[in-house]
Amino acid sequence: MGAYVPLHKLAHYDLADLETLLKALRQKIKLTIEFVGFTGERWPKSQKLIQRKRVPLE
């Protein structure tokens, strides 16, 4: 598997804002988004898990 290059990096964000942004983005384009460092965390609005288990990058 090759190296991952982020499309965009946010220096400061709020999880609720990120959740809203990702929802809008997913309506426009199909992307695979891998979250790292969010093990066990939930989205504020939907309460869905962000990341189920740790990945080797953590």
PDB file of N, CA and C in Angstrom:
ATOM      1  N   MET A   1       0.843  -1.175   0.000  1.00  0.00           N
ATOM      2  CA  MET A   1       0.000   0.000   0.000  1.00  0.00           C
ATOM      3  C   MET A   1       0.890   1.241   0.000  1.00  0.00           C
ATOM      4  N   GLY A   2       0.562   2.230  -0.805  1.00  0.00           N
ATOM      5  CA  GLY A   2       1.367   3.437  -0.930  1.00  0.00           C
ATOM      6  C   GLY A   2       1.137   4.426   0.195  1.00  0.00           C
ATOM      7  N   ALA A   3       1.880   5.502   0.158  1.00  0.00           N
ATOM      8  CA  ALA A   3       1.745   6.550   1.164  1.00  0.00           C
ATOM      9  C   ALA A   3       0.466   7.336   0.933  1.00  0.00           C
ATOM     10  N   TYR A   4      -0.118   7.804   2.002  1.00  0.00           N
ATOM     11  CA  TYR A   4      -1.336   8.604   1.921  1.00  0.00           C
ATOM     12  C   TYR A   4      -0.966  10.075   1.876  1.00  0.00           C
ATOM     13  N   VAL A   5      -1.601  10.802   0.990  1.00  0.00           N
ATOM     14  CA  VAL A   5      -1.388  12.237   0.883  1.00  0.00           C
ATOM     15  C   VAL A   5      -2.746  12.910   1.110  1.00  0.00           C
ATOM     16  N   PRO A   6      -2.866  13.722   2.150  1.00  0.00           N
ATOM     17  CA  PRO A   6      -4.157  14.353   2.414  1.00  0.00           C
ATOM     18  C   PRO A   6      -4.528  15.366   1.329  1.00  0.00           C
ATOM     19  N   LEU A   7      -5.813  15.411   0.995  1.00  0.00           N
ATOM     20  CA  LEU A   7      -6.304  16.420   0.062  1.00  0.00           C
ATOM     21  C   LEU A   7      -6.317  17.791   0.727  1.00  0.00           C
ATOM     22  N   HIS A   8      -6.620  17.793   2.013  1.00  0.00           N
ATOM     23  CA  HIS A   8      -6.717  19.043   2.750  1.00  0.00           C
ATOM     24  C   HIS A   8      -6.437  18.754   4.211  1.00  0.00           C
ATOM     25  N   LYS A   9      -5.836  19.690   4.882  1.00  0.00           N
ATOM     26  CA  LYS A   9      -5.539  19.536   6.297  1.00  0.00           C
ATOM     27  C   LYS A   9      -6.085  20.748   7.031  1.00  0.00           C
ATOM     28  N   LEU A  10      -6.814  20.497   8.104  1.00  0.00           N
ATOM     29  CA  LEU A  10      -7.361  21.576   8.913  1.00  0.00           C
ATOM     30  C   LEU A  10      -6.484  21.753  10.144  1.00  0.00           C
ATOM     31  N   ALA A  11      -6.038  22.964  10.372  1.00  0.00           N
ATOM     32  CA  ALA A  11      -5.197  23.240  11.539  1.00  0.00           C
ATOM     33  C   ALA A  11      -6.033  23.269  12.817  1.00  0.00           C
ATOM     34  N   HIS A  12      -7.263  23.767  12.729  1.00  0.00           N
ATOM     35  CA  HIS A  12      -8.167  23.846  13.878  1.00  0.00           C
ATOM     36  C   HIS A  12      -9.579  23.577  13.388  1.00  0.00           C
ATOM     37  N   TYR A  13     -10.276  22.729  14.069  1.00  0.00           N
ATOM     38  CA  TYR A  13     -11.655  22.445  13.677  1.00  0.00           C
ATOM     39  C   TYR A  13     -12.456  21.962  14.866  1.00  0.00           C
ATOM     40  N   ASP A  14     -13.729  21.971  14.684  1.00  0.00           N
ATOM     41  CA  ASP A  14     -14.691  21.482  15.652  1.00  0.00           C
ATOM     42  C   ASP A  14     -15.302  20.226  15.037  1.00  0.00           C
ATOM     43  N   LEU A  15     -15.480  19.158  15.811  1.00  0.00           N
ATOM     44  CA  LEU A  15     -16.014  17.920  15.256  1.00  0.00           C
ATOM     45  C   LEU A  15     -17.385  18.101  14.617  1.00  0.00           C
ATOM     46  N   ALA A  16     -18.217  18.938  15.187  1.00  0.00           N
ATOM     47  CA  ALA A  16     -19.543  19.189  14.605  1.00  0.00           C
ATOM     48  C   ALA A  16     -19.403  19.846  13.231  1.00  0.00           C
ATOM     49  N   ASP A  17     -18.474  20.795  13.098  1.00  0.00           N
ATOM     50  CA  ASP A  17     -18.223  21.443  11.801  1.00  0.00           C
ATOM     51  C   ASP A  17     -17.664  20.447  10.794  1.00  0.00           C
ATOM     52  N   LEU A  18     -16.749  19.593  11.252  1.00  0.00           N
ATOM     53  CA  LEU A  18     -16.160  18.588  10.370  1.00  0.00           C
ATOM     54  C   LEU A  18     -17.230  17.601   9.903  1.00  0.00           C
ATOM     55  N   GLU A  19     -18.106  17.209  10.796  1.00  0.00           N
ATOM     56  CA  GLU A  19     -19.187  16.287  10.443  1.00  0.00           C
ATOM     57  C   GLU A  19     -20.082  16.899   9.367  1.00  0.00           C
ATOM     58  N   THR A  20     -20.422  18.169   9.512  1.00  0.00           N
ATOM     59  CA  THR A  20     -21.257  18.872   8.529  1.00  0.00           C
ATOM     60  C   THR A  20     -20.541  18.984   7.190  1.00  0.00           C
ATOM     61  N   LEU A  21     -19.257  19.331   7.219  1.00  0.00           N
ATOM     62  CA  LEU A  21     -18.466  19.444   5.995  1.00  0.00           C
ATOM     63  C   LEU A  21     -18.396  18.109   5.257  1.00  0.00           C
ATOM     64  N   LEU A  22     -18.120  17.025   5.994  1.00  0.00           N
ATOM     65  CA  LEU A  22     -18.005  15.712   5.366  1.00  0.00           C
ATOM     66  C   LEU A  22     -19.334  15.235   4.791  1.00  0.00           C
ATOM     67  N   LYS A  23     -20.419  15.546   5.457  1.00  0.00           N
ATOM     68  CA  LYS A  23     -21.744  15.167   4.950  1.00  0.00           C
ATOM     69  C   LYS A  23     -22.000  15.849   3.603  1.00  0.00           C
ATOM     70  N   ALA A  24     -21.702  17.133   3.515  1.00  0.00           N
ATOM     71  CA  ALA A  24     -21.886  17.880   2.264  1.00  0.00           C
ATOM     72  C   ALA A  24     -20.944  17.364   1.177  1.00  0.00           C
ATOM     73  N   LEU A  25     -19.713  17.071   1.544  1.00  0.00           N
ATOM     74  CA  LEU A  25     -18.728  16.572   0.584  1.00  0.00           C
ATOM     75  C   LEU A  25     -19.145  15.221   0.028  1.00  0.00           C
ATOM     76  N   ARG A  26     -19.641  14.351   0.894  1.00  0.00           N
ATOM     77  CA  ARG A  26     -20.055  13.007   0.466  1.00  0.00           C
ATOM     78  C   ARG A  26     -21.257  13.045  -0.474  1.00  0.00           C
ATOM     79  N   GLN A  27     -22.054  14.104  -0.424  1.00  0.00           N
ATOM     80  CA  GLN A  27     -23.194  14.238  -1.337  1.00  0.00           C
ATOM     81  C   GLN A  27     -22.724  14.593  -2.744  1.00  0.00           C
ATOM     82  N   LYS A  28     -21.550  15.195  -2.848  1.00  0.00           N
ATOM     83  CA  LYS A  28     -21.021  15.637  -4.134  1.00  0.00           C
ATOM     84  C   LYS A  28     -20.102  14.620  -4.799  1.00  0.00           C
ATOM     85  N   ILE A  29     -19.212  14.016  -4.013  1.00  0.00           N
ATOM     86  CA  ILE A  29     -18.223  13.101  -4.576  1.00  0.00           C
ATOM     87  C   ILE A  29     -18.048  11.881  -3.685  1.00  0.00           C
ATOM     88  N   LYS A  30     -17.584  10.795  -4.289  1.00  0.00           N
ATOM     89  CA  LYS A  30     -17.292   9.580  -3.534  1.00  0.00           C
ATOM     90  C   LYS A  30     -15.813   9.580  -3.183  1.00  0.00           C
ATOM     91  N   LEU A  31     -15.535   9.539  -1.918  1.00  0.00           N
ATOM     92  CA  LEU A  31     -14.158   9.479  -1.431  1.00  0.00           C
ATOM     93  C   LEU A  31     -14.055   8.399  -0.368  1.00  0.00           C
ATOM     94  N   THR A  32     -12.900   7.812  -0.264  1.00  0.00           N
ATOM     95  CA  THR A  32     -12.610   6.945   0.860  1.00  0.00           C
ATOM     96  C   THR A  32     -11.858   7.813   1.860  1.00  0.00           C
ATOM     97  N   ILE A  33     -12.404   7.925   3.041  1.00  0.00           N
ATOM     98  CA  ILE A  33     -11.790   8.754   4.076  1.00  0.00           C
ATOM     99  C   ILE A  33     -11.414   7.844   5.231  1.00  0.00           C
ATOM    100  N   GLU A  34     -10.146   7.850   5.584  1.00  0.00           N
ATOM    101  CA  GLU A  34      -9.660   7.043   6.689  1.00  0.00           C
ATOM    102  C   GLU A  34      -9.327   7.968   7.851  1.00  0.00           C
ATOM    103  N   PHE A  35      -9.993   7.747   8.962  1.00  0.00           N
ATOM    104  CA  PHE A  35      -9.755   8.564  10.148  1.00  0.00           C
ATOM    105  C   PHE A  35      -8.751   7.866  11.049  1.00  0.00           C
ATOM    106  N   VAL A  36      -7.765   8.610  11.525  1.00  0.00           N
ATOM    107  CA  VAL A  36      -6.723   8.083  12.397  1.00  0.00           C
ATOM    108  C   VAL A  36      -6.703   8.948  13.658  1.00  0.00           C
ATOM    109  N   GLY A  37      -6.713   8.296  14.803  1.00  0.00           N
ATOM    110  CA  GLY A  37      -6.665   9.020  16.071  1.00  0.00           C
ATOM    111  C   GLY A  37      -8.033   9.314  16.661  1.00  0.00           C
ATOM    112  N   PHE A  38      -9.069   8.661  16.141  1.00  0.00           N
ATOM    113  CA  PHE A  38     -10.433   8.885  16.620  1.00  0.00           C
ATOM    114  C   PHE A  38     -11.056   7.606  17.167  1.00  0.00           C
ATOM    115  N   THR A  39     -10.234   6.653  17.595  1.00  0.00           N
ATOM    116  CA  THR A  39     -10.734   5.373  18.086  1.00  0.00           C
ATOM    117  C   THR A  39     -11.730   5.590  19.217  1.00  0.00           C
ATOM    118  N   GLY A  40     -12.941   5.048  19.049  1.00  0.00           N
ATOM    119  CA  GLY A  40     -13.970   5.147  20.082  1.00  0.00           C
ATOM    120  C   GLY A  40     -14.719   6.464  20.116  1.00  0.00           C
ATOM    121  N   GLU A  41     -14.293   7.452  19.342  1.00  0.00           N
ATOM    122  CA  GLU A  41     -14.965   8.757  19.321  1.00  0.00           C
ATOM    123  C   GLU A  41     -16.232   8.680  18.468  1.00  0.00           C
ATOM    124  N   ARG A  42     -17.218   9.511  18.785  1.00  0.00           N
ATOM    125  CA  ARG A  42     -18.479   9.564  18.043  1.00  0.00           C
ATOM    126  C   ARG A  42     -18.698  10.956  17.466  1.00  0.00           C
ATOM    127  N   TRP A  43     -19.380  10.987  16.300  1.00  0.00           N
ATOM    128  CA  TRP A  43     -19.752  12.272  15.710  1.00  0.00           C
ATOM    129  C   TRP A  43     -20.794  12.927  16.610  1.00  0.00           C
ATOM    130  N   PRO A  44     -20.698  14.239  16.831  1.00  0.00           N
ATOM    131  CA  PRO A  44     -21.609  14.934  17.742  1.00  0.00           C
ATOM    132  C   PRO A  44     -23.094  14.846  17.341  1.00  0.00           C
ATOM    133  N   LYS A  45     -23.400  14.986  16.068  1.00  0.00           N
ATOM    134  CA  LYS A  45     -24.804  15.016  15.640  1.00  0.00           C
ATOM    135  C   LYS A  45     -25.390  13.616  15.450  1.00  0.00           C
ATOM    136  N   SER A  46     -24.718  12.771  14.688  1.00  0.00           N
ATOM    137  CA  SER A  46     -25.258  11.449  14.354  1.00  0.00           C
ATOM    138  C   SER A  46     -24.974  10.393  15.417  1.00  0.00           C
ATOM    139  N   GLN A  47     -23.996  10.635  16.261  1.00  0.00           N
ATOM    140  CA  GLN A  47     -23.542   9.700  17.290  1.00  0.00           C
ATOM    141  C   GLN A  47     -22.982   8.395  16.725  1.00  0.00           C
ATOM    142  N   LYS A  48     -22.640   8.381  15.431  1.00  0.00           N
ATOM    143  CA  LYS A  48     -21.997   7.219  14.821  1.00  0.00           C
ATOM    144  C   LYS A  48     -20.525   7.223  15.201  1.00  0.00           C
ATOM    145  N   LEU A  49     -19.939   6.013  15.333  1.00  0.00           N
ATOM    146  CA  LEU A  49     -18.512   5.919  15.623  1.00  0.00           C
ATOM    147  C   LEU A  49     -17.708   6.486  14.457  1.00  0.00           C
ATOM    148  N   ILE A  50     -16.679   7.242  14.778  1.00  0.00           N
ATOM    149  CA  ILE A  50     -15.804   7.803  13.755  1.00  0.00           C
ATOM    150  C   ILE A  50     -14.806   6.737  13.311  1.00  0.00           C
ATOM    151  N   GLN A  51     -14.200   6.065  14.259  1.00  0.00           N
ATOM    152  CA  GLN A  51     -13.190   5.034  13.979  1.00  0.00           C
ATOM    153  C   GLN A  51     -13.415   3.893  14.951  1.00  0.00           C
ATOM    154  N   ARG A  52     -13.603   2.694  14.436  1.00  0.00           N
ATOM    155  CA  ARG A  52     -13.892   1.541  15.280  1.00  0.00           C
ATOM    156  C   ARG A  52     -12.662   0.996  16.015  1.00  0.00           C
ATOM    157  N   LYS A  53     -11.590   0.757  15.281  1.00  0.00           N
ATOM    158  CA  LYS A  53     -10.407   0.200  15.921  1.00  0.00           C
ATOM    159  C   LYS A  53      -9.146   0.919  15.464  1.00  0.00           C
ATOM    160  N   ARG A  54      -8.118   0.788  16.280  1.00  0.00           N
ATOM    161  CA  ARG A  54      -6.842   1.446  15.976  1.00  0.00           C
ATOM    162  C   ARG A  54      -6.245   0.904  14.690  1.00  0.00           C
ATOM    163  N   VAL A  55      -5.522   1.767  14.013  1.00  0.00           N
ATOM    164  CA  VAL A  55      -4.787   1.382  12.817  1.00  0.00           C
ATOM    165  C   VAL A  55      -3.291   1.519  13.104  1.00  0.00           C
ATOM    166  N   PRO A  56      -2.449   0.858  12.333  1.00  0.00           N
ATOM    167  CA  PRO A  56      -0.994   0.912  12.589  1.00  0.00           C
ATOM    168  C   PRO A  56      -0.405   2.318  12.586  1.00  0.00           C
ATOM    169  N   LEU A  57      -1.056   3.290  11.968  1.00  0.00           N
ATOM    170  CA  LEU A  57      -0.523   4.654  11.916  1.00  0.00           C
ATOM    171  C   LEU A  57      -0.596   5.354  13.278  1.00  0.00           C
ATOM    172  N   GLU A  58      -1.397   4.825  14.202  1.00  0.00           N
ATOM    173  CA  GLU A  58      -1.563   5.496  15.500  1.00  0.00           C
ATOM    174  C   GLU A  58      -0.460   5.125  16.449  1.00  0.00           C
TER     175      GLU A  58
END
